[in-house]
N, C-alpha and C. Protein backbone atom coordinates (compact mmCIF):
# COMPACT_ATOMS: atom_id res chain seq x y z
N MET A 1 -17.48 -15.89 6.81
CA MET A 1 -17.21 -14.89 7.81
C MET A 1 -17.29 -13.51 7.17
N ASP A 2 -17.75 -12.58 7.98
CA ASP A 2 -17.77 -11.18 7.56
C ASP A 2 -16.52 -10.53 8.15
N PHE A 3 -15.54 -10.22 7.31
CA PHE A 3 -14.26 -9.71 7.80
C PHE A 3 -14.31 -8.23 8.13
N ASN A 4 -15.49 -7.63 8.04
CA ASN A 4 -15.68 -6.26 8.50
C ASN A 4 -16.13 -6.23 9.95
N LYS A 5 -16.38 -7.40 10.54
CA LYS A 5 -16.80 -7.52 11.94
C LYS A 5 -15.71 -8.23 12.72
N PRO A 6 -15.69 -8.03 14.05
CA PRO A 6 -14.70 -8.72 14.88
C PRO A 6 -14.88 -10.24 14.82
N ILE A 7 -13.78 -10.94 14.95
CA ILE A 7 -13.75 -12.40 14.99
C ILE A 7 -13.27 -12.80 16.38
N CYS A 8 -13.91 -13.79 16.97
CA CYS A 8 -13.49 -14.27 18.28
C CYS A 8 -12.60 -15.49 18.11
N ALA A 9 -11.60 -15.58 18.96
CA ALA A 9 -10.69 -16.73 18.99
C ALA A 9 -10.66 -17.26 20.42
N VAL A 10 -10.79 -18.56 20.56
CA VAL A 10 -10.81 -19.19 21.88
C VAL A 10 -9.72 -20.25 21.96
N VAL A 11 -8.96 -20.21 23.05
CA VAL A 11 -7.99 -21.26 23.35
C VAL A 11 -8.15 -21.64 24.81
N GLU A 12 -7.66 -22.82 25.15
CA GLU A 12 -7.73 -23.27 26.52
C GLU A 12 -6.32 -23.41 27.07
N GLY A 13 -6.10 -22.83 28.22
CA GLY A 13 -4.81 -22.95 28.88
C GLY A 13 -3.90 -21.76 28.66
N ASP A 14 -3.05 -21.54 29.65
CA ASP A 14 -2.14 -20.40 29.60
C ASP A 14 -1.11 -20.52 28.49
N ASP A 15 -0.62 -21.73 28.24
CA ASP A 15 0.40 -21.91 27.20
C ASP A 15 -0.15 -21.55 25.82
N ASP A 16 -1.34 -22.07 25.48
CA ASP A 16 -1.93 -21.76 24.18
C ASP A 16 -2.31 -20.29 24.09
N SER A 17 -2.72 -19.70 25.21
CA SER A 17 -3.04 -18.27 25.22
C SER A 17 -1.80 -17.45 24.90
N LYS A 18 -0.69 -17.80 25.51
CA LYS A 18 0.56 -17.09 25.26
C LYS A 18 0.99 -17.24 23.80
N LYS A 19 0.90 -18.46 23.28
CA LYS A 19 1.27 -18.71 21.89
C LYS A 19 0.38 -17.92 20.93
N LEU A 20 -0.92 -17.85 21.23
CA LEU A 20 -1.83 -17.12 20.36
C LEU A 20 -1.54 -15.62 20.39
N ARG A 21 -1.29 -15.11 21.58
CA ARG A 21 -0.92 -13.68 21.69
C ARG A 21 0.32 -13.38 20.86
N GLU A 22 1.33 -14.24 20.99
CA GLU A 22 2.57 -14.06 20.24
C GLU A 22 2.31 -14.14 18.74
N TYR A 23 1.46 -15.06 18.32
CA TYR A 23 1.11 -15.20 16.91
C TYR A 23 0.46 -13.92 16.40
N PHE A 24 -0.51 -13.42 17.17
CA PHE A 24 -1.19 -12.18 16.76
C PHE A 24 -0.20 -11.03 16.61
N VAL A 25 0.68 -10.87 17.58
CA VAL A 25 1.65 -9.78 17.54
C VAL A 25 2.61 -9.94 16.35
N GLU A 26 3.13 -11.15 16.16
CA GLU A 26 4.07 -11.41 15.07
C GLU A 26 3.45 -11.16 13.69
N HIS A 27 2.14 -11.38 13.58
CA HIS A 27 1.48 -11.24 12.28
C HIS A 27 0.68 -9.95 12.15
N GLY A 28 0.86 -9.05 13.11
CA GLY A 28 0.22 -7.74 13.03
C GLY A 28 -1.30 -7.78 13.11
N ILE A 29 -1.83 -8.75 13.84
CA ILE A 29 -3.28 -8.89 14.00
C ILE A 29 -3.71 -8.14 15.26
N ALA A 30 -4.61 -7.17 15.07
CA ALA A 30 -5.12 -6.41 16.22
C ALA A 30 -6.04 -7.31 17.04
N PHE A 31 -5.88 -7.27 18.37
CA PHE A 31 -6.72 -8.11 19.23
C PHE A 31 -6.90 -7.45 20.59
N ARG A 32 -7.91 -7.93 21.30
CA ARG A 32 -8.08 -7.56 22.70
C ARG A 32 -8.62 -8.78 23.43
N VAL A 33 -8.29 -8.88 24.70
CA VAL A 33 -8.74 -10.00 25.53
C VAL A 33 -10.15 -9.72 25.99
N ILE A 34 -11.04 -10.69 25.79
CA ILE A 34 -12.42 -10.55 26.29
C ILE A 34 -12.54 -11.23 27.64
N ILE A 35 -12.14 -12.49 27.71
CA ILE A 35 -12.17 -13.24 28.97
C ILE A 35 -10.86 -14.00 29.08
N GLU A 36 -10.28 -13.96 30.26
CA GLU A 36 -9.01 -14.64 30.46
C GLU A 36 -9.04 -15.41 31.78
N GLY A 37 -9.13 -16.74 31.68
CA GLY A 37 -8.94 -17.62 32.82
C GLY A 37 -9.96 -17.51 33.94
N TYR A 38 -11.18 -17.13 33.65
CA TYR A 38 -12.19 -17.07 34.70
C TYR A 38 -12.66 -18.46 35.07
N VAL A 39 -12.92 -18.69 36.34
CA VAL A 39 -13.29 -20.00 36.85
C VAL A 39 -14.56 -20.52 36.19
N TYR A 40 -15.54 -19.65 35.97
CA TYR A 40 -16.82 -20.13 35.46
C TYR A 40 -16.76 -20.58 34.00
N VAL A 41 -15.70 -20.28 33.29
CA VAL A 41 -15.55 -20.78 31.93
C VAL A 41 -14.35 -21.72 31.82
N GLY A 42 -13.92 -22.25 32.94
CA GLY A 42 -12.75 -23.12 32.91
C GLY A 42 -11.50 -22.31 32.71
N ASP A 43 -10.61 -22.82 31.91
CA ASP A 43 -9.35 -22.14 31.66
C ASP A 43 -9.33 -21.57 30.24
N LEU A 44 -10.47 -21.04 29.82
CA LEU A 44 -10.60 -20.49 28.48
C LEU A 44 -10.05 -19.07 28.41
N HIS A 45 -9.48 -18.76 27.28
CA HIS A 45 -9.00 -17.41 26.99
C HIS A 45 -9.69 -17.00 25.69
N ILE A 46 -10.45 -15.94 25.74
CA ILE A 46 -11.23 -15.50 24.58
C ILE A 46 -10.71 -14.14 24.12
N PHE A 47 -10.40 -14.07 22.84
CA PHE A 47 -9.87 -12.85 22.23
C PHE A 47 -10.81 -12.37 21.14
N GLU A 48 -10.89 -11.08 20.97
CA GLU A 48 -11.60 -10.49 19.85
C GLU A 48 -10.53 -9.90 18.94
N CYS A 49 -10.58 -10.22 17.66
CA CYS A 49 -9.53 -9.75 16.76
C CYS A 49 -10.10 -9.31 15.41
N SER A 50 -9.31 -8.55 14.71
CA SER A 50 -9.66 -8.08 13.37
C SER A 50 -8.69 -8.71 12.38
N MET A 51 -9.24 -9.39 11.38
CA MET A 51 -8.39 -10.07 10.40
C MET A 51 -8.98 -9.95 9.01
N THR A 52 -8.10 -10.09 8.05
CA THR A 52 -8.53 -10.22 6.66
C THR A 52 -8.79 -11.71 6.41
N GLU A 53 -9.34 -12.02 5.28
CA GLU A 53 -9.57 -13.43 4.95
C GLU A 53 -8.26 -14.21 4.92
N GLU A 54 -7.22 -13.59 4.39
CA GLU A 54 -5.91 -14.26 4.29
C GLU A 54 -5.30 -14.52 5.66
N THR A 55 -5.34 -13.51 6.55
CA THR A 55 -4.77 -13.72 7.88
C THR A 55 -5.60 -14.70 8.68
N PHE A 56 -6.92 -14.70 8.45
CA PHE A 56 -7.78 -15.67 9.13
C PHE A 56 -7.43 -17.09 8.70
N GLN A 57 -7.30 -17.32 7.41
CA GLN A 57 -6.98 -18.66 6.92
C GLN A 57 -5.65 -19.15 7.46
N ALA A 58 -4.66 -18.27 7.51
CA ALA A 58 -3.35 -18.64 8.05
C ALA A 58 -3.45 -18.94 9.55
N ALA A 59 -4.15 -18.10 10.30
CA ALA A 59 -4.28 -18.31 11.74
C ALA A 59 -5.05 -19.58 12.04
N ASP A 60 -6.07 -19.85 11.26
CA ASP A 60 -6.85 -21.08 11.44
C ASP A 60 -5.98 -22.30 11.20
N ARG A 61 -5.10 -22.22 10.25
CA ARG A 61 -4.20 -23.32 9.91
C ARG A 61 -3.06 -23.46 10.92
N ASP A 62 -2.53 -22.33 11.40
CA ASP A 62 -1.29 -22.33 12.17
C ASP A 62 -1.46 -22.32 13.69
N THR A 63 -2.68 -22.17 14.19
CA THR A 63 -2.88 -22.11 15.64
C THR A 63 -3.89 -23.15 16.09
N ASN A 64 -4.00 -23.32 17.41
CA ASN A 64 -4.98 -24.24 18.00
C ASN A 64 -6.28 -23.54 18.37
N ALA A 65 -6.45 -22.30 17.95
CA ALA A 65 -7.62 -21.51 18.35
C ALA A 65 -8.87 -21.97 17.59
N LEU A 66 -9.99 -21.84 18.28
CA LEU A 66 -11.30 -22.03 17.66
C LEU A 66 -11.80 -20.63 17.32
N PHE A 67 -12.05 -20.36 16.05
CA PHE A 67 -12.51 -19.06 15.61
C PHE A 67 -14.01 -19.10 15.34
N TYR A 68 -14.68 -18.04 15.74
CA TYR A 68 -16.12 -17.93 15.47
C TYR A 68 -16.51 -16.46 15.39
N GLN A 69 -17.74 -16.25 14.95
CA GLN A 69 -18.23 -14.88 14.82
C GLN A 69 -19.71 -14.88 15.19
N TRP A 70 -20.10 -13.86 15.97
CA TRP A 70 -21.51 -13.71 16.29
C TRP A 70 -22.23 -13.13 15.10
N ASP A 71 -23.49 -13.45 14.98
CA ASP A 71 -24.28 -12.94 13.84
C ASP A 71 -24.49 -11.47 13.91
């Protein structure tokens, strides 16, 4: 991952979305919501966030989010 570029995080469902938001806030991770609960993508919640390698590794380990990055 290139940690100078935004990282996307995807979760499904309102409960996981709430938990991920709380995780980001508790760990000082800057984020913004890209898509939240639109019918055409199911119940997906997509966030764009900025993380260091260390915060990424912790978030990957501690949350149910799928992290990815566009080229």
